[in-house]
Structures are given as structure tokens and as C-alpha cells.
């Protein structure tokens, strides 16, 4: 059994809309990450940056943006990691 022309047209139309929105979301996410990274660079602390931004942006959101786009040199900033949970485990002694 075949799909009707109407169903096929609706499916193609909604898929085109869906893909366009996905592309817009990816662009917006990149712009958001860039701004959150800039905010982190200004205050050097994800909690401080997040506290000054809309409530939907948390310290974890800022940290995630920095981790996605920061150059390797920024990973030496201790304020990026706010707990020992992110620290490497000590080497095992033999």
C-alpha cells in the first residue's frame, strides 16, 4: 500500500521545516557558546558569569560552552573547574 499524495506532501513539508529549524538551532547554539565564552573570559568564573545572565543559563551551561570552544590554553584556568570531581585521579603507586 502506498502513501497518499497528501500525506507524502505533508511529510516532505514538515521534514523541510524540521531540517531548517535544526540548522537555525545549530547556528544559535554556536552564537550562544561564543557569548558565554566571552562572558567567562571577562570574569574568569562560570558561576559569576551565570549569576549575571538569565536564569536559564547555569554555571554548567557556561562551563560547557567554554569546553566546546576554548583554545587549549584556557584549560589551565582553574576557575573553569569548580570541584575536584573534574581533577585527574592520582597515579597508582606500585
PDB file of N, CA and C in Angstrom:
ATOM      1  N   UNK A   1       0.848  -1.180   0.000  1.00  0.00           N
ATOM      2  CA  UNK A   1       0.000   0.000   0.000  1.00  0.00           C
ATOM      3  C   UNK A   1       0.892   1.242   0.000  1.00  0.00           C
ATOM      4  N   UNK A   2       0.548   2.212  -0.781  1.00  0.00           N
ATOM      5  CA  UNK A   2       1.309   3.445  -0.957  1.00  0.00           C
ATOM      6  C   UNK A   2       0.729   4.575  -0.103  1.00  0.00           C
ATOM      7  N   UNK A   3       1.592   5.520   0.244  1.00  0.00           N
ATOM      8  CA  UNK A   3       1.122   6.729   0.910  1.00  0.00           C
ATOM      9  C   UNK A   3       0.323   7.566  -0.077  1.00  0.00           C
ATOM     10  N   UNK A   4      -0.641   8.296   0.443  1.00  0.00           N
ATOM     11  CA  UNK A   4      -1.388   9.191  -0.439  1.00  0.00           C
ATOM     12  C   UNK A   4      -0.500  10.382  -0.780  1.00  0.00           C
ATOM     13  N   UNK A   5      -0.838  11.036  -1.872  1.00  0.00           N
ATOM     14  CA  UNK A   5      -0.076  12.222  -2.273  1.00  0.00           C
ATOM     15  C   UNK A   5      -0.124  13.297  -1.185  1.00  0.00           C
ATOM     16  N   UNK A   6      -1.278  13.435  -0.529  1.00  0.00           N
ATOM     17  CA  UNK A   6      -1.435  14.438   0.523  1.00  0.00           C
ATOM     18  C   UNK A   6      -0.504  14.142   1.707  1.00  0.00           C
ATOM     19  N   UNK A   7      -0.466  12.887   2.138  1.00  0.00           N
ATOM     20  CA  UNK A   7       0.407  12.508   3.250  1.00  0.00           C
ATOM     21  C   UNK A   7       1.867  12.700   2.880  1.00  0.00           C
ATOM     22  N   UNK A   8       2.230  12.312   1.675  1.00  0.00           N
ATOM     23  CA  UNK A   8       3.614  12.467   1.218  1.00  0.00           C
ATOM     24  C   UNK A   8       4.004  13.944   1.175  1.00  0.00           C
ATOM     25  N   UNK A   9       3.123  14.798   0.682  1.00  0.00           N
ATOM     26  CA  UNK A   9       3.403  16.233   0.606  1.00  0.00           C
ATOM     27  C   UNK A   9       3.558  16.830   2.002  1.00  0.00           C
ATOM     28  N   UNK A  10       2.665  16.440   2.929  1.00  0.00           N
ATOM     29  CA  UNK A  10       2.755  16.938   4.302  1.00  0.00           C
ATOM     30  C   UNK A  10       4.053  16.479   4.964  1.00  0.00           C
ATOM     31  N   UNK A  11       4.423  15.224   4.746  1.00  0.00           N
ATOM     32  CA  UNK A  11       5.652  14.690   5.336  1.00  0.00           C
ATOM     33  C   UNK A  11       6.879  15.428   4.797  1.00  0.00           C
ATOM     34  N   UNK A  12       6.903  15.673   3.506  1.00  0.00           N
ATOM     35  CA  UNK A  12       8.036  16.395   2.908  1.00  0.00           C
ATOM     36  C   UNK A  12       8.097  17.833   3.413  1.00  0.00           C
ATOM     37  N   UNK A  13       6.943  18.468   3.532  1.00  0.00           N
ATOM     38  CA  UNK A  13       6.886  19.848   4.007  1.00  0.00           C
ATOM     39  C   UNK A  13       7.372  19.956   5.451  1.00  0.00           C
ATOM     40  N   UNK A  14       6.879  19.081   6.313  1.00  0.00           N
ATOM     41  CA  UNK A  14       7.281  19.159   7.718  1.00  0.00           C
ATOM     42  C   UNK A  14       8.744  18.778   7.888  1.00  0.00           C
ATOM     43  N   UNK A  15       9.243  17.844   7.082  1.00  0.00           N
ATOM     44  CA  UNK A  15      10.661  17.473   7.174  1.00  0.00           C
ATOM     45  C   UNK A  15      11.555  18.639   6.758  1.00  0.00           C
ATOM     46  N   UNK A  16      11.156  19.362   5.727  1.00  0.00           N
ATOM     47  CA  UNK A  16      11.925  20.535   5.301  1.00  0.00           C
ATOM     48  C   UNK A  16      11.939  21.591   6.410  1.00  0.00           C
ATOM     49  N   UNK A  17      10.793  21.809   7.042  1.00  0.00           N
ATOM     50  CA  UNK A  17      10.722  22.770   8.149  1.00  0.00           C
ATOM     51  C   UNK A  17      11.583  22.316   9.319  1.00  0.00           C
ATOM     52  N   UNK A  18      11.519  21.043   9.634  1.00  0.00           N
ATOM     53  CA  UNK A  18      12.295  20.479  10.737  1.00  0.00           C
ATOM     54  C   UNK A  18      13.792  20.643  10.498  1.00  0.00           C
ATOM     55  N   UNK A  19      14.246  20.329   9.308  1.00  0.00           N
ATOM     56  CA  UNK A  19      15.671  20.439   8.994  1.00  0.00           C
ATOM     57  C   UNK A  19      16.135  21.897   9.025  1.00  0.00           C
ATOM     58  N   UNK A  20      15.290  22.808   8.565  1.00  0.00           N
ATOM     59  CA  UNK A  20      15.637  24.233   8.608  1.00  0.00           C
ATOM     60  C   UNK A  20      15.766  24.710  10.056  1.00  0.00           C
ATOM     61  N   UNK A  21      14.853  24.268  10.912  1.00  0.00           N
ATOM     62  CA  UNK A  21      14.918  24.652  12.321  1.00  0.00           C
ATOM     63  C   UNK A  21      16.136  24.047  13.013  1.00  0.00           C
ATOM     64  N   UNK A  22      16.507  22.839  12.647  1.00  0.00           N
ATOM     65  CA  UNK A  22      17.724  22.230  13.207  1.00  0.00           C
ATOM     66  C   UNK A  22      18.953  23.050  12.831  1.00  0.00           C
ATOM     67  N   UNK A  23      19.000  23.523  11.595  1.00  0.00           N
ATOM     68  CA  UNK A  23      20.129  24.350  11.155  1.00  0.00           C
ATOM     69  C   UNK A  23      20.157  25.668  11.933  1.00  0.00           C
ATOM     70  N   UNK A  24      18.985  26.273  12.133  1.00  0.00           N
ATOM     71  CA  UNK A  24      18.910  27.516  12.910  1.00  0.00           C
ATOM     72  C   UNK A  24      19.354  27.287  14.352  1.00  0.00           C
ATOM     73  N   UNK A  25      18.945  26.158  14.928  1.00  0.00           N
ATOM     74  CA  UNK A  25      19.331  25.835  16.299  1.00  0.00           C
ATOM     75  C   UNK A  25      20.842  25.674  16.415  1.00  0.00           C
ATOM     76  N   UNK A  26      21.445  25.003  15.462  1.00  0.00           N
ATOM     77  CA  UNK A  26      22.901  24.819  15.485  1.00  0.00           C
ATOM     78  C   UNK A  26      23.615  26.167  15.412  1.00  0.00           C
ATOM     79  N   UNK A  27      23.115  27.056  14.578  1.00  0.00           N
ATOM     80  CA  UNK A  27      23.697  28.394  14.462  1.00  0.00           C
ATOM     81  C   UNK A  27      23.526  29.170  15.767  1.00  0.00           C
ATOM     82  N   UNK A  28      22.327  29.122  16.332  1.00  0.00           N
ATOM     83  CA  UNK A  28      22.062  29.829  17.589  1.00  0.00           C
ATOM     84  C   UNK A  28      22.912  29.259  18.721  1.00  0.00           C
ATOM     85  N   UNK A  29      23.071  27.943  18.757  1.00  0.00           N
ATOM     86  CA  UNK A  29      23.889  27.321  19.799  1.00  0.00           C
ATOM     87  C   UNK A  29      25.343  27.788  19.690  1.00  0.00           C
ATOM     88  N   UNK A  30      25.845  27.888  18.485  1.00  0.00           N
ATOM     89  CA  UNK A  30      27.210  28.373  18.287  1.00  0.00           C
ATOM     90  C   UNK A  30      27.373  29.813  18.737  1.00  0.00           C
ATOM     91  N   UNK A  31      26.398  30.651  18.397  1.00  0.00           N
ATOM     92  CA  UNK A  31      26.447  32.055  18.830  1.00  0.00           C
ATOM     93  C   UNK A  31      26.353  32.155  20.351  1.00  0.00           C
ATOM     94  N   UNK A  32      25.481  31.335  20.941  1.00  0.00           N
ATOM     95  CA  UNK A  32      25.331  31.325  22.399  1.00  0.00           C
ATOM     96  C   UNK A  32      26.646  30.908  23.063  1.00  0.00           C
ATOM     97  N   UNK A  33      27.261  29.850  22.562  1.00  0.00           N
ATOM     98  CA  UNK A  33      28.537  29.399  23.122  1.00  0.00           C
ATOM     99  C   UNK A  33      29.591  30.498  23.046  1.00  0.00           C
ATOM    100  N   UNK A  34      29.612  31.222  21.929  1.00  0.00           N
ATOM    101  CA  UNK A  34      30.584  32.302  21.757  1.00  0.00           C
ATOM    102  C   UNK A  34      30.378  33.399  22.798  1.00  0.00           C
ATOM    103  N   UNK A  35      29.134  33.770  23.035  1.00  0.00           N
ATOM    104  CA  UNK A  35      28.837  34.817  24.020  1.00  0.00           C
ATOM    105  C   UNK A  35      29.136  34.328  25.437  1.00  0.00           C
ATOM    106  N   UNK A  36      28.780  33.083  25.738  1.00  0.00           N
ATOM    107  CA  UNK A  36      29.055  32.551  27.078  1.00  0.00           C
ATOM    108  C   UNK A  36      30.556  32.427  27.321  1.00  0.00           C
ATOM    109  N   UNK A  37      31.294  32.062  26.294  1.00  0.00           N
ATOM    110  CA  UNK A  37      32.754  32.004  26.408  1.00  0.00           C
ATOM    111  C   UNK A  37      33.311  33.403  26.683  1.00  0.00           C
ATOM    112  N   UNK A  38      32.797  34.402  25.970  1.00  0.00           N
ATOM    113  CA  UNK A  38      33.241  35.786  26.188  1.00  0.00           C
ATOM    114  C   UNK A  38      32.916  36.232  27.616  1.00  0.00           C
ATOM    115  N   UNK A  39      31.747  35.854  28.115  1.00  0.00           N
ATOM    116  CA  UNK A  39      31.375  36.205  29.493  1.00  0.00           C
ATOM    117  C   UNK A  39      32.339  35.555  30.477  1.00  0.00           C
ATOM    118  N   UNK A  40      32.670  34.303  30.246  1.00  0.00           N
ATOM    119  CA  UNK A  40      33.618  33.609  31.122  1.00  0.00           C
ATOM    120  C   UNK A  40      34.990  34.272  31.078  1.00  0.00           C
ATOM    121  N   UNK A  41      35.421  34.681  29.891  1.00  0.00           N
ATOM    122  CA  UNK A  41      36.728  35.345  29.757  1.00  0.00           C
ATOM    123  C   UNK A  41      36.761  36.656  30.543  1.00  0.00           C
ATOM    124  N   UNK A  42      35.633  37.347  30.613  1.00  0.00           N
ATOM    125  CA  UNK A  42      35.587  38.625  31.334  1.00  0.00           C
ATOM    126  C   UNK A  42      35.701  38.447  32.839  1.00  0.00           C
ATOM    127  N   UNK A  43      35.041  37.434  33.389  1.00  0.00           N
ATOM    128  CA  UNK A  43      35.013  37.294  34.851  1.00  0.00           C
ATOM    129  C   UNK A  43      35.817  36.100  35.366  1.00  0.00           C
ATOM    130  N   UNK A  44      36.259  35.232  34.482  1.00  0.00           N
ATOM    131  CA  UNK A  44      37.101  34.069  34.822  1.00  0.00           C
ATOM    132  C   UNK A  44      36.453  33.082  35.787  1.00  0.00           C
ATOM    133  N   UNK A  45      35.117  33.096  35.866  1.00  0.00           N
ATOM    134  CA  UNK A  45      34.436  32.167  36.760  1.00  0.00           C
ATOM    135  C   UNK A  45      33.056  31.846  36.195  1.00  0.00           C
ATOM    136  N   UNK A  46      32.750  30.572  35.960  1.00  0.00           N
ATOM    137  CA  UNK A  46      31.453  30.233  35.372  1.00  0.00           C
ATOM    138  C   UNK A  46      30.267  30.580  36.267  1.00  0.00           C
ATOM    139  N   UNK A  47      30.422  30.457  37.579  1.00  0.00           N
ATOM    140  CA  UNK A  47      29.312  30.791  38.485  1.00  0.00           C
ATOM    141  C   UNK A  47      29.014  32.280  38.458  1.00  0.00           C
ATOM    142  N   UNK A  48      30.053  33.090  38.470  1.00  0.00           N
ATOM    143  CA  UNK A  48      29.876  34.542  38.436  1.00  0.00           C
ATOM    144  C   UNK A  48      29.245  34.972  37.118  1.00  0.00           C
ATOM    145  N   UNK A  49      29.705  34.395  36.027  1.00  0.00           N
ATOM    146  CA  UNK A  49      29.131  34.734  34.717  1.00  0.00           C
ATOM    147  C   UNK A  49      27.661  34.344  34.669  1.00  0.00           C
ATOM    148  N   UNK A  50      27.345  33.133  35.097  1.00  0.00           N
ATOM    149  CA  UNK A  50      25.962  32.645  35.046  1.00  0.00           C
ATOM    150  C   UNK A  50      25.041  33.466  35.939  1.00  0.00           C
ATOM    151  N   UNK A  51      25.543  33.917  37.071  1.00  0.00           N
ATOM    152  CA  UNK A  51      24.725  34.691  38.006  1.00  0.00           C
ATOM    153  C   UNK A  51      24.260  36.014  37.411  1.00  0.00           C
ATOM    154  N   UNK A  52      24.977  36.520  36.428  1.00  0.00           N
ATOM    155  CA  UNK A  52      24.639  37.807  35.824  1.00  0.00           C
ATOM    156  C   UNK A  52      23.811  37.665  34.552  1.00  0.00           C
ATOM    157  N   UNK A  53      23.514  36.438  34.180  1.00  0.00           N
ATOM    158  CA  UNK A  53      22.795  36.161  32.937  1.00  0.00           C
ATOM    159  C   UNK A  53      21.409  35.596  33.252  1.00  0.00           C
ATOM    160  N   UNK A  54      20.551  35.415  32.243  1.00  0.00           N
ATOM    161  CA  UNK A  54      19.220  34.850  32.513  1.00  0.00           C
ATOM    162  C   UNK A  54      19.307  33.526  33.279  1.00  0.00           C
ATOM    163  N   UNK A  55      18.277  33.234  34.058  1.00  0.00           N
ATOM    164  CA  UNK A  55      18.268  32.043  34.913  1.00  0.00           C
ATOM    165  C   UNK A  55      18.397  30.732  34.146  1.00  0.00           C
ATOM    166  N   UNK A  56      18.079  30.744  32.885  1.00  0.00           N
ATOM    167  CA  UNK A  56      18.214  29.518  32.094  1.00  0.00           C
ATOM    168  C   UNK A  56      19.668  29.165  31.836  1.00  0.00           C
ATOM    169  N   UNK A  57      20.561  30.091  32.110  1.00  0.00           N
ATOM    170  CA  UNK A  57      21.994  29.849  31.931  1.00  0.00           C
ATOM    171  C   UNK A  57      22.601  29.579  33.303  1.00  0.00           C
ATOM    172  N   UNK A  58      23.143  28.379  33.463  1.00  0.00           N
ATOM    173  CA  UNK A  58      23.752  27.977  34.727  1.00  0.00           C
ATOM    174  C   UNK A  58      25.270  27.957  34.584  1.00  0.00           C
ATOM    175  N   UNK A  59      25.942  27.743  35.699  1.00  0.00           N
ATOM    176  CA  UNK A  59      27.402  27.611  35.652  1.00  0.00           C
ATOM    177  C   UNK A  59      27.789  26.442  34.751  1.00  0.00           C
ATOM    178  N   UNK A  60      27.014  25.375  34.796  1.00  0.00           N
ATOM    179  CA  UNK A  60      27.299  24.215  33.934  1.00  0.00           C
ATOM    180  C   UNK A  60      27.140  24.575  32.458  1.00  0.00           C
ATOM    181  N   UNK A  61      26.171  25.438  32.149  1.00  0.00           N
ATOM    182  CA  UNK A  61      25.976  25.886  30.771  1.00  0.00           C
ATOM    183  C   UNK A  61      27.197  26.673  30.299  1.00  0.00           C
ATOM    184  N   UNK A  62      27.673  27.570  31.146  1.00  0.00           N
ATOM    185  CA  UNK A  62      28.856  28.371  30.803  1.00  0.00           C
ATOM    186  C   UNK A  62      30.060  27.455  30.649  1.00  0.00           C
ATOM    187  N   UNK A  63      30.252  26.547  31.606  1.00  0.00           N
ATOM    188  CA  UNK A  63      31.369  25.609  31.549  1.00  0.00           C
ATOM    189  C   UNK A  63      31.328  24.795  30.256  1.00  0.00           C
ATOM    190  N   UNK A  64      30.149  24.314  29.892  1.00  0.00           N
ATOM    191  CA  UNK A  64      30.007  23.530  28.667  1.00  0.00           C
ATOM    192  C   UNK A  64      30.390  24.322  27.431  1.00  0.00           C
ATOM    193  N   UNK A  65      29.962  25.578  27.371  1.00  0.00           N
ATOM    194  CA  UNK A  65      30.312  26.427  26.229  1.00  0.00           C
ATOM    195  C   UNK A  65      31.816  26.620  26.144  1.00  0.00           C
ATOM    196  N   UNK A  66      32.437  26.860  27.284  1.00  0.00           N
ATOM    197  CA  UNK A  66      33.891  27.057  27.303  1.00  0.00           C
ATOM    198  C   UNK A  66      34.595  25.780  26.852  1.00  0.00           C
ATOM    199  N   UNK A  67      34.152  24.652  27.349  1.00  0.00           N
ATOM    200  CA  UNK A  67      34.783  23.385  26.971  1.00  0.00           C
ATOM    201  C   UNK A  67      34.639  23.095  25.482  1.00  0.00           C
ATOM    202  N   UNK A  68      33.538  23.539  24.890  1.00  0.00           N
ATOM    203  CA  UNK A  68      33.329  23.290  23.458  1.00  0.00           C
ATOM    204  C   UNK A  68      34.190  24.176  22.568  1.00  0.00           C
ATOM    205  N   UNK A  69      34.451  25.426  22.979  1.00  0.00           N
ATOM    206  CA  UNK A  69      35.102  26.333  22.023  1.00  0.00           C
ATOM    207  C   UNK A  69      36.415  26.956  22.479  1.00  0.00           C
ATOM    208  N   UNK A  70      36.786  26.785  23.725  1.00  0.00           N
ATOM    209  CA  UNK A  70      38.007  27.440  24.214  1.00  0.00           C
ATOM    210  C   UNK A  70      39.261  26.822  23.611  1.00  0.00           C
ATOM    211  N   UNK A  71      40.269  27.653  23.369  1.00  0.00           N
ATOM    212  CA  UNK A  71      41.558  27.110  22.939  1.00  0.00           C
ATOM    213  C   UNK A  71      42.209  26.364  24.109  1.00  0.00           C
ATOM    214  N   UNK A  72      43.123  25.450  23.824  1.00  0.00           N
ATOM    215  CA  UNK A  72      43.751  24.646  24.884  1.00  0.00           C
ATOM    216  C   UNK A  72      44.349  25.457  26.030  1.00  0.00           C
ATOM    217  N   UNK A  73      44.869  26.631  25.758  1.00  0.00           N
ATOM    218  CA  UNK A  73      45.478  27.446  26.817  1.00  0.00           C
ATOM    219  C   UNK A  73      44.476  27.790  27.919  1.00  0.00           C
ATOM    220  N   UNK A  74      43.197  27.912  27.566  1.00  0.00           N
ATOM    221  CA  UNK A  74      42.191  28.266  28.565  1.00  0.00           C
ATOM    222  C   UNK A  74      41.921  27.132  29.548  1.00  0.00           C
ATOM    223  N   UNK A  75      42.283  25.933  29.218  1.00  0.00           N
ATOM    224  CA  UNK A  75      42.005  24.810  30.108  1.00  0.00           C
ATOM    225  C   UNK A  75      42.913  24.803  31.332  1.00  0.00           C
ATOM    226  N   UNK A  76      43.878  25.700  31.366  1.00  0.00           N
ATOM    227  CA  UNK A  76      44.718  25.826  32.553  1.00  0.00           C
ATOM    228  C   UNK A  76      44.072  26.728  33.596  1.00  0.00           C
ATOM    229  N   UNK A  77      42.969  27.370  33.241  1.00  0.00           N
ATOM    230  CA  UNK A  77      42.259  28.241  34.178  1.00  0.00           C
ATOM    231  C   UNK A  77      41.559  27.372  35.218  1.00  0.00           C
ATOM    232  N   UNK A  78      42.005  27.427  36.447  1.00  0.00           N
ATOM    233  CA  UNK A  78      41.418  26.590  37.489  1.00  0.00           C
ATOM    234  C   UNK A  78      39.971  26.947  37.773  1.00  0.00           C
ATOM    235  N   UNK A  79      39.569  28.180  37.533  1.00  0.00           N
ATOM    236  CA  UNK A  79      38.195  28.578  37.824  1.00  0.00           C
ATOM    237  C   UNK A  79      37.193  27.905  36.904  1.00  0.00           C
ATOM    238  N   UNK A  80      37.651  27.336  35.813  1.00  0.00           N
ATOM    239  CA  UNK A  80      36.735  26.633  34.919  1.00  0.00           C
ATOM    240  C   UNK A  80      36.189  25.393  35.607  1.00  0.00           C
ATOM    241  N   UNK A  81      36.992  24.752  36.399  1.00  0.00           N
ATOM    242  CA  UNK A  81      36.585  23.545  37.104  1.00  0.00           C
ATOM    243  C   UNK A  81      36.368  23.895  38.565  1.00  0.00           C
ATOM    244  N   UNK A  82      35.121  23.780  39.019  1.00  0.00           N
ATOM    245  CA  UNK A  82      34.837  24.249  40.370  1.00  0.00           C
ATOM    246  C   UNK A  82      34.797  23.132  41.408  1.00  0.00           C
ATOM    247  N   UNK A  83      35.227  21.940  41.059  1.00  0.00           N
ATOM    248  CA  UNK A  83      35.275  20.883  42.066  1.00  0.00           C
ATOM    249  C   UNK A  83      36.355  19.882  41.711  1.00  0.00           C
ATOM    250  N   UNK A  84      36.729  19.106  42.716  1.00  0.00           N
ATOM    251  CA  UNK A  84      37.744  18.084  42.500  1.00  0.00           C
ATOM    252  C   UNK A  84      37.218  16.931  41.660  1.00  0.00           C
ATOM    253  N   UNK A  85      35.919  16.893  41.412  1.00  0.00           N
ATOM    254  CA  UNK A  85      35.347  15.811  40.616  1.00  0.00           C
ATOM    255  C   UNK A  85      35.921  15.795  39.211  1.00  0.00           C
ATOM    256  N   UNK A  86      36.386  16.942  38.743  1.00  0.00           N
ATOM    257  CA  UNK A  86      36.930  17.023  37.398  1.00  0.00           C
ATOM    258  C   UNK A  86      38.441  16.801  37.365  1.00  0.00           C
ATOM    259  N   UNK A  87      39.062  16.743  38.530  1.00  0.00           N
ATOM    260  CA  UNK A  87      40.521  16.594  38.587  1.00  0.00           C
ATOM    261  C   UNK A  87      40.915  15.165  38.239  1.00  0.00           C
ATOM    262  N   UNK A  88      42.069  14.989  37.604  1.00  0.00           N
ATOM    263  CA  UNK A  88      42.505  13.634  37.282  1.00  0.00           C
ATOM    264  C   UNK A  88      42.820  12.856  38.556  1.00  0.00           C
ATOM    265  N   UNK A  89      42.585  11.566  38.500  1.00  0.00           N
ATOM    266  CA  UNK A  89      42.862  10.702  39.648  1.00  0.00           C
ATOM    267  C   UNK A  89      44.366  10.596  39.846  1.00  0.00           C
ATOM    268  N   UNK A  90      44.822  10.471  41.091  1.00  0.00           N
ATOM    269  CA  UNK A  90      46.259  10.319  41.323  1.00  0.00           C
ATOM    270  C   UNK A  90      46.756   9.009  40.722  1.00  0.00           C
ATOM    271  N   UNK A  91      48.004   9.021  40.312  1.00  0.00           N
ATOM    272  CA  UNK A  91      48.591   7.829  39.704  1.00  0.00           C
ATOM    273  C   UNK A  91      48.730   6.734  40.758  1.00  0.00           C
ATOM    274  N   UNK A  92      48.491   5.512  40.340  1.00  0.00           N
ATOM    275  CA  UNK A  92      48.610   4.369  41.249  1.00  0.00           C
ATOM    276  C   UNK A  92      50.075   4.130  41.581  1.00  0.00           C
ATOM    277  N   UNK A  93      50.333   3.822  42.830  1.00  0.00           N
ATOM    278  CA  UNK A  93      51.708   3.544  43.252  1.00  0.00           C
ATOM    279  C   UNK A  93      51.959   2.046  43.188  1.00  0.00           C
ATOM    280  N   UNK A  94      53.164   1.682  42.756  1.00  0.00           N
ATOM    281  CA  UNK A  94      53.468   0.252  42.672  1.00  0.00           C
ATOM    282  C   UNK A  94      54.498  -0.172  43.672  1.00  0.00           C
TER     283      UNK A  94
END
